[in-house]
């Protein structure tokens, strides 16, 4: 399990961006500690790298979110 800071460093974004994606329902922590710390899996890193790549191609978060929903339901 990775902390939010480790995920942010590996992806090259700020922890506040990860919290934003969490609030928007695009990313959920794998688990949360009793003190509220978020822990993420390697899948979260892959998802965030996808989001970052898509944004670099000019795709908006509004357009990315439905793609993530489809992917989470097993669609390619």
PDB file of N, CA and C in Angstrom:
ATOM      1  N   UNK A   1       0.836  -1.188   0.000  1.00  0.00           N
ATOM      2  CA  UNK A   1       0.000   0.000   0.000  1.00  0.00           C
ATOM      3  C   UNK A   1       0.881   1.252   0.000  1.00  0.00           C
ATOM      4  N   UNK A   2       0.429   2.239  -0.726  1.00  0.00           N
ATOM      5  CA  UNK A   2       1.174   3.490  -0.866  1.00  0.00           C
ATOM      6  C   UNK A   2       0.413   4.638  -0.215  1.00  0.00           C
ATOM      7  N   UNK A   3       1.137   5.526   0.442  1.00  0.00           N
ATOM      8  CA  UNK A   3       0.509   6.722   1.004  1.00  0.00           C
ATOM      9  C   UNK A   3       0.220   7.702  -0.125  1.00  0.00           C
ATOM     10  N   UNK A   4      -0.587   8.672   0.151  1.00  0.00           N
ATOM     11  CA  UNK A   4      -0.944   9.670  -0.848  1.00  0.00           C
ATOM     12  C   UNK A   4       0.294  10.429  -1.339  1.00  0.00           C
ATOM     13  N   UNK A   5       1.239  10.676  -0.445  1.00  0.00           N
ATOM     14  CA  UNK A   5       2.465  11.370  -0.826  1.00  0.00           C
ATOM     15  C   UNK A   5       3.322  10.560  -1.780  1.00  0.00           C
ATOM     16  N   UNK A   6       3.422   9.258  -1.519  1.00  0.00           N
ATOM     17  CA  UNK A   6       4.212   8.389  -2.399  1.00  0.00           C
ATOM     18  C   UNK A   6       3.566   8.283  -3.778  1.00  0.00           C
ATOM     19  N   UNK A   7       2.249   8.172  -3.807  1.00  0.00           N
ATOM     20  CA  UNK A   7       1.542   8.115  -5.096  1.00  0.00           C
ATOM     21  C   UNK A   7       1.772   9.412  -5.861  1.00  0.00           C
ATOM     22  N   UNK A   8       1.635  10.531  -5.180  1.00  0.00           N
ATOM     23  CA  UNK A   8       1.806  11.836  -5.827  1.00  0.00           C
ATOM     24  C   UNK A   8       3.203  11.970  -6.427  1.00  0.00           C
ATOM     25  N   UNK A   9       4.225  11.554  -5.685  1.00  0.00           N
ATOM     26  CA  UNK A   9       5.600  11.629  -6.207  1.00  0.00           C
ATOM     27  C   UNK A   9       5.796  10.726  -7.417  1.00  0.00           C
ATOM     28  N   UNK A  10       5.261   9.514  -7.368  1.00  0.00           N
ATOM     29  CA  UNK A  10       5.432   8.579  -8.476  1.00  0.00           C
ATOM     30  C   UNK A  10       4.732   9.050  -9.743  1.00  0.00           C
ATOM     31  N   UNK A  11       3.612   9.735  -9.581  1.00  0.00           N
ATOM     32  CA  UNK A  11       2.847  10.191 -10.744  1.00  0.00           C
ATOM     33  C   UNK A  11       3.289  11.580 -11.199  1.00  0.00           C
ATOM     34  N   UNK A  12       3.829  12.357 -10.267  1.00  0.00           N
ATOM     35  CA  UNK A  12       4.257  13.714 -10.605  1.00  0.00           C
ATOM     36  C   UNK A  12       3.155  14.738 -10.473  1.00  0.00           C
ATOM     37  N   UNK A  13       2.267  14.524  -9.506  1.00  0.00           N
ATOM     38  CA  UNK A  13       1.198  15.486  -9.231  1.00  0.00           C
ATOM     39  C   UNK A  13       1.208  15.796  -7.736  1.00  0.00           C
ATOM     40  N   UNK A  14       0.403  16.749  -7.348  1.00  0.00           N
ATOM     41  CA  UNK A  14       0.323  17.117  -5.929  1.00  0.00           C
ATOM     42  C   UNK A  14      -0.696  16.249  -5.196  1.00  0.00           C
ATOM     43  N   UNK A  15      -0.477  16.019  -3.903  1.00  0.00           N
ATOM     44  CA  UNK A  15      -1.468  15.274  -3.127  1.00  0.00           C
ATOM     45  C   UNK A  15      -2.858  15.917  -3.174  1.00  0.00           C
ATOM     46  N   UNK A  16      -2.912  17.230  -3.275  1.00  0.00           N
ATOM     47  CA  UNK A  16      -4.212  17.911  -3.354  1.00  0.00           C
ATOM     48  C   UNK A  16      -4.977  17.498  -4.614  1.00  0.00           C
ATOM     49  N   UNK A  17      -4.262  17.199  -5.700  1.00  0.00           N
ATOM     50  CA  UNK A  17      -4.922  16.731  -6.921  1.00  0.00           C
ATOM     51  C   UNK A  17      -5.540  15.353  -6.689  1.00  0.00           C
ATOM     52  N   UNK A  18      -4.834  14.504  -5.963  1.00  0.00           N
ATOM     53  CA  UNK A  18      -5.368  13.176  -5.662  1.00  0.00           C
ATOM     54  C   UNK A  18      -6.621  13.304  -4.790  1.00  0.00           C
ATOM     55  N   UNK A  19      -6.592  14.196  -3.826  1.00  0.00           N
ATOM     56  CA  UNK A  19      -7.775  14.425  -2.981  1.00  0.00           C
ATOM     57  C   UNK A  19      -8.937  14.944  -3.829  1.00  0.00           C
ATOM     58  N   UNK A  20      -8.639  15.796  -4.800  1.00  0.00           N
ATOM     59  CA  UNK A  20      -9.673  16.318  -5.704  1.00  0.00           C
ATOM     60  C   UNK A  20     -10.304  15.168  -6.495  1.00  0.00           C
ATOM     61  N   UNK A  21      -9.469  14.292  -7.066  1.00  0.00           N
ATOM     62  CA  UNK A  21      -9.991  13.152  -7.819  1.00  0.00           C
ATOM     63  C   UNK A  21     -10.841  12.261  -6.912  1.00  0.00           C
ATOM     64  N   UNK A  22     -10.456  12.129  -5.669  1.00  0.00           N
ATOM     65  CA  UNK A  22     -11.236  11.364  -4.699  1.00  0.00           C
ATOM     66  C   UNK A  22     -12.609  12.015  -4.508  1.00  0.00           C
ATOM     67  N   UNK A  23     -12.632  13.322  -4.294  1.00  0.00           N
ATOM     68  CA  UNK A  23     -13.905  14.038  -4.111  1.00  0.00           C
ATOM     69  C   UNK A  23     -14.804  13.933  -5.343  1.00  0.00           C
ATOM     70  N   UNK A  24     -14.197  13.876  -6.529  1.00  0.00           N
ATOM     71  CA  UNK A  24     -14.961  13.790  -7.772  1.00  0.00           C
ATOM     72  C   UNK A  24     -15.411  12.357  -8.077  1.00  0.00           C
ATOM     73  N   UNK A  25     -14.993  11.390  -7.271  1.00  0.00           N
ATOM     74  CA  UNK A  25     -15.390  10.005  -7.464  1.00  0.00           C
ATOM     75  C   UNK A  25     -14.596   9.278  -8.532  1.00  0.00           C
ATOM     76  N   UNK A  26     -13.457   9.848  -8.926  1.00  0.00           N
ATOM     77  CA  UNK A  26     -12.642   9.244  -9.975  1.00  0.00           C
ATOM     78  C   UNK A  26     -11.638   8.248  -9.414  1.00  0.00           C
ATOM     79  N   UNK A  27     -11.335   8.361  -8.146  1.00  0.00           N
ATOM     80  CA  UNK A  27     -10.311   7.545  -7.518  1.00  0.00           C
ATOM     81  C   UNK A  27     -10.687   7.355  -6.061  1.00  0.00           C
ATOM     82  N   UNK A  28     -10.588   6.146  -5.605  1.00  0.00           N
ATOM     83  CA  UNK A  28     -10.871   5.858  -4.197  1.00  0.00           C
ATOM     84  C   UNK A  28      -9.664   5.181  -3.572  1.00  0.00           C
ATOM     85  N   UNK A  29      -9.363   5.508  -2.333  1.00  0.00           N
ATOM     86  CA  UNK A  29      -8.262   4.807  -1.659  1.00  0.00           C
ATOM     87  C   UNK A  29      -8.623   3.335  -1.474  1.00  0.00           C
ATOM     88  N   UNK A  30      -7.614   2.469  -1.524  1.00  0.00           N
ATOM     89  CA  UNK A  30      -7.832   1.037  -1.294  1.00  0.00           C
ATOM     90  C   UNK A  30      -8.298   0.811   0.141  1.00  0.00           C
ATOM     91  N   UNK A  31      -7.755   1.612   1.052  1.00  0.00           N
ATOM     92  CA  UNK A  31      -8.206   1.570   2.437  1.00  0.00           C
ATOM     93  C   UNK A  31      -7.868   2.881   3.131  1.00  0.00           C
ATOM     94  N   UNK A  32      -8.555   3.080   4.233  1.00  0.00           N
ATOM     95  CA  UNK A  32      -8.331   4.274   5.048  1.00  0.00           C
ATOM     96  C   UNK A  32      -8.071   3.849   6.474  1.00  0.00           C
ATOM     97  N   UNK A  33      -7.067   4.479   7.070  1.00  0.00           N
ATOM     98  CA  UNK A  33      -6.737   4.118   8.452  1.00  0.00           C
ATOM     99  C   UNK A  33      -7.767   4.727   9.402  1.00  0.00           C
ATOM    100  N   UNK A  34      -7.707   4.313  10.645  1.00  0.00           N
ATOM    101  CA  UNK A  34      -8.636   4.846  11.647  1.00  0.00           C
ATOM    102  C   UNK A  34      -8.429   6.341  11.858  1.00  0.00           C
ATOM    103  N   UNK A  35      -7.239   6.837  11.500  1.00  0.00           N
ATOM    104  CA  UNK A  35      -6.962   8.269  11.642  1.00  0.00           C
ATOM    105  C   UNK A  35      -7.268   9.038  10.354  1.00  0.00           C
ATOM    106  N   UNK A  36      -7.789   8.354   9.330  1.00  0.00           N
ATOM    107  CA  UNK A  36      -8.196   9.021   8.104  1.00  0.00           C
ATOM    108  C   UNK A  36      -7.139   9.064   7.005  1.00  0.00           C
ATOM    109  N   UNK A  37      -6.003   8.423   7.232  1.00  0.00           N
ATOM    110  CA  UNK A  37      -4.961   8.403   6.195  1.00  0.00           C
ATOM    111  C   UNK A  37      -5.422   7.540   5.030  1.00  0.00           C
ATOM    112  N   UNK A  38      -5.148   8.024   3.820  1.00  0.00           N
ATOM    113  CA  UNK A  38      -5.504   7.274   2.625  1.00  0.00           C
ATOM    114  C   UNK A  38      -4.326   6.397   2.191  1.00  0.00           C
ATOM    115  N   UNK A  39      -4.634   5.171   1.802  1.00  0.00           N
ATOM    116  CA  UNK A  39      -3.631   4.254   1.264  1.00  0.00           C
ATOM    117  C   UNK A  39      -4.127   3.746  -0.082  1.00  0.00           C
ATOM    118  N   UNK A  40      -3.221   3.733  -1.046  1.00  0.00           N
ATOM    119  CA  UNK A  40      -3.570   3.385  -2.425  1.00  0.00           C
ATOM    120  C   UNK A  40      -2.774   2.189  -2.911  1.00  0.00           C
ATOM    121  N   UNK A  41      -3.332   1.488  -3.885  1.00  0.00           N
ATOM    122  CA  UNK A  41      -2.653   0.355  -4.504  1.00  0.00           C
ATOM    123  C   UNK A  41      -1.913   0.827  -5.758  1.00  0.00           C
ATOM    124  N   UNK A  42      -1.203  -0.093  -6.386  1.00  0.00           N
ATOM    125  CA  UNK A  42      -0.512   0.202  -7.649  1.00  0.00           C
ATOM    126  C   UNK A  42      -1.511   0.564  -8.745  1.00  0.00           C
ATOM    127  N   UNK A  43      -2.726   0.035  -8.655  1.00  0.00           N
ATOM    128  CA  UNK A  43      -3.754   0.365  -9.646  1.00  0.00           C
ATOM    129  C   UNK A  43      -4.066   1.860  -9.644  1.00  0.00           C
ATOM    130  N   UNK A  44      -3.999   2.481  -8.488  1.00  0.00           N
ATOM    131  CA  UNK A  44      -4.241   3.925  -8.403  1.00  0.00           C
ATOM    132  C   UNK A  44      -3.166   4.690  -9.161  1.00  0.00           C
ATOM    133  N   UNK A  45      -1.929   4.230  -9.068  1.00  0.00           N
ATOM    134  CA  UNK A  45      -0.829   4.862  -9.801  1.00  0.00           C
ATOM    135  C   UNK A  45      -1.092   4.765 -11.298  1.00  0.00           C
ATOM    136  N   UNK A  46      -1.485   3.569 -11.767  1.00  0.00           N
ATOM    137  CA  UNK A  46      -1.781   3.370 -13.189  1.00  0.00           C
ATOM    138  C   UNK A  46      -2.925   4.265 -13.648  1.00  0.00           C
ATOM    139  N   UNK A  47      -3.972   4.350 -12.836  1.00  0.00           N
ATOM    140  CA  UNK A  47      -5.119   5.187 -13.183  1.00  0.00           C
ATOM    141  C   UNK A  47      -4.705   6.652 -13.285  1.00  0.00           C
ATOM    142  N   UNK A  48      -3.932   7.125 -12.327  1.00  0.00           N
ATOM    143  CA  UNK A  48      -3.509   8.526 -12.338  1.00  0.00           C
ATOM    144  C   UNK A  48      -2.566   8.819 -13.496  1.00  0.00           C
ATOM    145  N   UNK A  49      -1.727   7.872 -13.859  1.00  0.00           N
ATOM    146  CA  UNK A  49      -0.862   8.063 -15.034  1.00  0.00           C
ATOM    147  C   UNK A  49      -1.703   8.153 -16.300  1.00  0.00           C
ATOM    148  N   UNK A  50      -2.777   7.359 -16.377  1.00  0.00           N
ATOM    149  CA  UNK A  50      -3.693   7.433 -17.506  1.00  0.00           C
ATOM    150  C   UNK A  50      -4.357   8.805 -17.569  1.00  0.00           C
ATOM    151  N   UNK A  51      -4.845   9.280 -16.428  1.00  0.00           N
ATOM    152  CA  UNK A  51      -5.501  10.595 -16.369  1.00  0.00           C
ATOM    153  C   UNK A  51      -4.524  11.687 -16.807  1.00  0.00           C
ATOM    154  N   UNK A  52      -3.322  11.622 -16.304  1.00  0.00           N
ATOM    155  CA  UNK A  52      -2.309  12.619 -16.646  1.00  0.00           C
ATOM    156  C   UNK A  52      -2.005  12.589 -18.150  1.00  0.00           C
ATOM    157  N   UNK A  53      -1.863  11.387 -18.724  1.00  0.00           N
ATOM    158  CA  UNK A  53      -1.608  11.249 -20.159  1.00  0.00           C
ATOM    159  C   UNK A  53      -2.774  11.788 -20.978  1.00  0.00           C
ATOM    160  N   UNK A  54      -3.974  11.457 -20.577  1.00  0.00           N
ATOM    161  CA  UNK A  54      -5.163  11.923 -21.289  1.00  0.00           C
ATOM    162  C   UNK A  54      -5.246  13.449 -21.254  1.00  0.00           C
ATOM    163  N   UNK A  55      -4.946  14.033 -20.096  1.00  0.00           N
ATOM    164  CA  UNK A  55      -4.967  15.494 -19.988  1.00  0.00           C
ATOM    165  C   UNK A  55      -3.916  16.123 -20.894  1.00  0.00           C
ATOM    166  N   UNK A  56      -2.767  15.484 -21.011  1.00  0.00           N
ATOM    167  CA  UNK A  56      -1.711  16.029 -21.873  1.00  0.00           C
ATOM    168  C   UNK A  56      -2.127  16.006 -23.342  1.00  0.00           C
ATOM    169  N   UNK A  57      -3.089  15.152 -23.677  1.00  0.00           N
ATOM    170  CA  UNK A  57      -3.614  15.085 -25.040  1.00  0.00           C
ATOM    171  C   UNK A  57      -4.792  16.033 -25.253  1.00  0.00           C
ATOM    172  N   UNK A  58      -5.141  16.777 -24.206  1.00  0.00           N
ATOM    173  CA  UNK A  58      -6.205  17.761 -24.320  1.00  0.00           C
ATOM    174  C   UNK A  58      -7.578  17.259 -23.912  1.00  0.00           C
ATOM    175  N   UNK A  59      -7.636  16.085 -23.324  1.00  0.00           N
ATOM    176  CA  UNK A  59      -8.913  15.539 -22.871  1.00  0.00           C
ATOM    177  C   UNK A  59      -9.200  16.095 -21.478  1.00  0.00           C
ATOM    178  N   UNK A  60     -10.418  16.584 -21.283  1.00  0.00           N
ATOM    179  CA  UNK A  60     -10.784  17.204 -20.007  1.00  0.00           C
ATOM    180  C   UNK A  60     -11.166  16.141 -18.973  1.00  0.00           C
ATOM    181  N   UNK A  61     -11.140  16.518 -17.712  1.00  0.00           N
ATOM    182  CA  UNK A  61     -11.556  15.602 -16.651  1.00  0.00           C
ATOM    183  C   UNK A  61     -13.012  15.202 -16.831  1.00  0.00           C
ATOM    184  N   UNK A  62     -13.821  16.117 -17.331  1.00  0.00           N
ATOM    185  CA  UNK A  62     -15.232  15.821 -17.581  1.00  0.00           C
ATOM    186  C   UNK A  62     -15.372  14.700 -18.614  1.00  0.00           C
ATOM    187  N   UNK A  63     -14.461  14.659 -19.575  1.00  0.00           N
ATOM    188  CA  UNK A  63     -14.482  13.607 -20.593  1.00  0.00           C
ATOM    189  C   UNK A  63     -13.819  12.320 -20.102  1.00  0.00           C
ATOM    190  N   UNK A  64     -12.871  12.445 -19.204  1.00  0.00           N
ATOM    191  CA  UNK A  64     -12.140  11.285 -18.687  1.00  0.00           C
ATOM    192  C   UNK A  64     -12.994  10.479 -17.711  1.00  0.00           C
ATOM    193  N   UNK A  65     -13.789  11.145 -16.905  1.00  0.00           N
ATOM    194  CA  UNK A  65     -14.544  10.473 -15.845  1.00  0.00           C
ATOM    195  C   UNK A  65     -15.425   9.332 -16.372  1.00  0.00           C
ATOM    196  N   UNK A  66     -16.200   9.516 -17.461  1.00  0.00           N
ATOM    197  CA  UNK A  66     -16.996   8.383 -17.954  1.00  0.00           C
ATOM    198  C   UNK A  66     -16.133   7.201 -18.424  1.00  0.00           C
ATOM    199  N   UNK A  67     -14.948   7.490 -18.939  1.00  0.00           N
ATOM    200  CA  UNK A  67     -14.049   6.417 -19.354  1.00  0.00           C
ATOM    201  C   UNK A  67     -13.604   5.588 -18.157  1.00  0.00           C
ATOM    202  N   UNK A  68     -13.347   6.259 -17.049  1.00  0.00           N
ATOM    203  CA  UNK A  68     -12.932   5.552 -15.840  1.00  0.00           C
ATOM    204  C   UNK A  68     -14.067   4.705 -15.280  1.00  0.00           C
ATOM    205  N   UNK A  69     -15.290   5.224 -15.386  1.00  0.00           N
ATOM    206  CA  UNK A  69     -16.454   4.461 -14.929  1.00  0.00           C
ATOM    207  C   UNK A  69     -16.600   3.182 -15.756  1.00  0.00           C
ATOM    208  N   UNK A  70     -16.474   3.315 -17.079  1.00  0.00           N
ATOM    209  CA  UNK A  70     -16.561   2.138 -17.955  1.00  0.00           C
ATOM    210  C   UNK A  70     -15.450   1.139 -17.629  1.00  0.00           C
ATOM    211  N   UNK A  71     -14.239   1.638 -17.437  1.00  0.00           N
ATOM    212  CA  UNK A  71     -13.118   0.752 -17.124  1.00  0.00           C
ATOM    213  C   UNK A  71     -13.337   0.022 -15.799  1.00  0.00           C
ATOM    214  N   UNK A  72     -13.902   0.715 -14.828  1.00  0.00           N
ATOM    215  CA  UNK A  72     -14.121   0.079 -13.528  1.00  0.00           C
ATOM    216  C   UNK A  72     -15.212  -0.999 -13.605  1.00  0.00           C
ATOM    217  N   UNK A  73     -16.053  -0.918 -14.646  1.00  0.00           N
ATOM    218  CA  UNK A  73     -17.098  -1.922 -14.840  1.00  0.00           C
ATOM    219  C   UNK A  73     -16.621  -3.068 -15.730  1.00  0.00           C
ATOM    220  N   UNK A  74     -15.344  -3.028 -16.111  1.00  0.00           N
ATOM    221  CA  UNK A  74     -14.770  -4.115 -16.894  1.00  0.00           C
ATOM    222  C   UNK A  74     -14.804  -3.908 -18.390  1.00  0.00           C
ATOM    223  N   UNK A  75     -15.198  -2.716 -18.859  1.00  0.00           N
ATOM    224  CA  UNK A  75     -15.224  -2.431 -20.295  1.00  0.00           C
ATOM    225  C   UNK A  75     -13.866  -1.881 -20.706  1.00  0.00           C
ATOM    226  N   UNK A  76     -13.477  -2.153 -21.942  1.00  0.00           N
ATOM    227  CA  UNK A  76     -12.202  -1.628 -22.426  1.00  0.00           C
ATOM    228  C   UNK A  76     -12.436  -0.473 -23.361  1.00  0.00           C
TER     229      UNK A  76
END
